[in-house]
Amino acid sequence: MVQRSKRSLSSSKIEEMQREVKAFEWKVRSWAAEVPIGSPVYLGLDPLNHSLGLMVRILNGEKDGTGFERRYGEGGIE
């Protein structure tokens, strides 16, 4: 059995994930354009949109082979 930490993503899988994430990101943004700013729905869509943008950056780093590097101020659990 292959350990999860030893797996790698193929470029075709990365591209498939990129297409799906970008399509969903577009959908989330279209929803955000339809609801009032400051509404509970809009407030819920904002972090979802941010998360999808982060995922796009991570997948781009994987595809390019450069890995992912957090921007200053993006912190995390440290």
Protein backbone atom coordinates (compact mmCIF):
# COMPACT_ATOMS: atom_id res chain seq x y z
CA MET A 1 0.00 0.00 0.00
CA VAL A 2 1.36 3.41 -0.96
CA GLN A 3 1.65 5.93 1.82
CA ARG A 4 -0.31 9.09 1.27
CA SER A 5 2.79 11.25 1.85
CA LYS A 6 4.63 9.46 -0.98
CA ARG A 7 2.03 10.23 -3.64
CA SER A 8 2.44 12.90 -6.25
CA LEU A 9 -0.04 14.57 -8.56
CA SER A 10 0.24 14.05 -12.29
CA SER A 11 0.12 17.14 -14.47
CA SER A 12 -3.15 15.94 -16.02
CA LYS A 13 -4.73 15.64 -12.55
CA ILE A 14 -3.49 19.11 -11.62
CA GLU A 15 -4.98 20.54 -14.82
CA GLU A 16 -8.29 18.79 -14.15
CA MET A 17 -8.37 20.21 -10.63
CA GLN A 18 -7.47 23.69 -11.92
CA ARG A 19 -10.38 23.64 -14.38
CA GLU A 20 -12.85 22.58 -11.72
CA VAL A 21 -11.59 25.01 -9.08
CA LYS A 22 -11.63 27.93 -11.55
CA ALA A 23 -15.16 27.03 -12.69
CA PHE A 24 -16.37 26.91 -9.09
CA GLU A 25 -14.54 30.15 -8.30
CA TRP A 26 -16.42 31.81 -11.17
CA LYS A 27 -19.70 30.41 -9.82
CA VAL A 28 -19.00 31.72 -6.30
CA ARG A 29 -18.15 35.16 -7.69
CA SER A 30 -21.36 35.23 -9.73
CA TRP A 31 -23.32 34.38 -6.57
CA ALA A 32 -21.55 37.17 -4.70
CA ALA A 33 -22.55 39.62 -7.45
CA GLU A 34 -26.21 38.71 -6.94
CA VAL A 35 -26.52 39.12 -3.16
CA PRO A 36 -26.38 42.32 -1.10
CA ILE A 37 -22.93 43.25 0.19
CA GLY A 38 -22.79 42.66 3.93
CA SER A 39 -25.53 40.06 3.92
CA PRO A 40 -24.82 36.78 5.73
CA VAL A 41 -24.64 34.98 2.36
CA TYR A 42 -22.10 37.48 1.02
CA LEU A 43 -20.05 37.17 4.20
CA GLY A 44 -20.02 33.39 3.73
CA LEU A 45 -19.02 33.64 0.09
CA ASP A 46 -16.04 35.90 0.81
CA PRO A 47 -13.87 33.30 2.63
CA LEU A 48 -14.99 30.65 0.14
CA ASN A 49 -13.77 32.86 -2.71
CA HIS A 50 -10.50 33.48 -0.87
CA SER A 51 -10.01 29.74 -0.32
CA LEU A 52 -10.57 29.00 -3.99
CA GLY A 53 -8.05 31.69 -4.96
CA LEU A 54 -5.56 30.12 -2.58
CA MET A 55 -6.18 26.70 -4.13
CA VAL A 56 -5.56 28.11 -7.61
CA ARG A 57 -2.19 29.48 -6.40
CA ILE A 58 -1.29 26.15 -4.79
CA LEU A 59 -2.14 24.20 -7.95
CA ASN A 60 -0.17 26.66 -10.09
CA GLY A 61 2.86 26.11 -7.85
CA GLU A 62 2.46 22.33 -8.12
CA LYS A 63 2.14 22.53 -11.90
CA ASP A 64 5.17 24.81 -12.24
CA GLY A 65 7.21 22.72 -9.83
CA THR A 66 7.93 25.75 -7.67
CA GLY A 67 5.77 24.64 -4.77
CA PHE A 68 3.64 26.96 -2.72
CA GLU A 69 4.92 29.86 -0.71
CA ARG A 70 2.66 31.86 1.55
CA ARG A 71 2.61 35.58 1.05
CA TYR A 72 3.58 37.87 3.89
CA GLY A 73 0.68 38.12 6.31
CA GLU A 74 -0.98 34.90 5.21
CA GLY A 75 0.08 33.18 8.40
CA GLY A 76 -1.37 29.91 9.40
CA ILE A 77 -1.24 27.56 12.30
CA GLU A 78 2.32 27.94 13.54
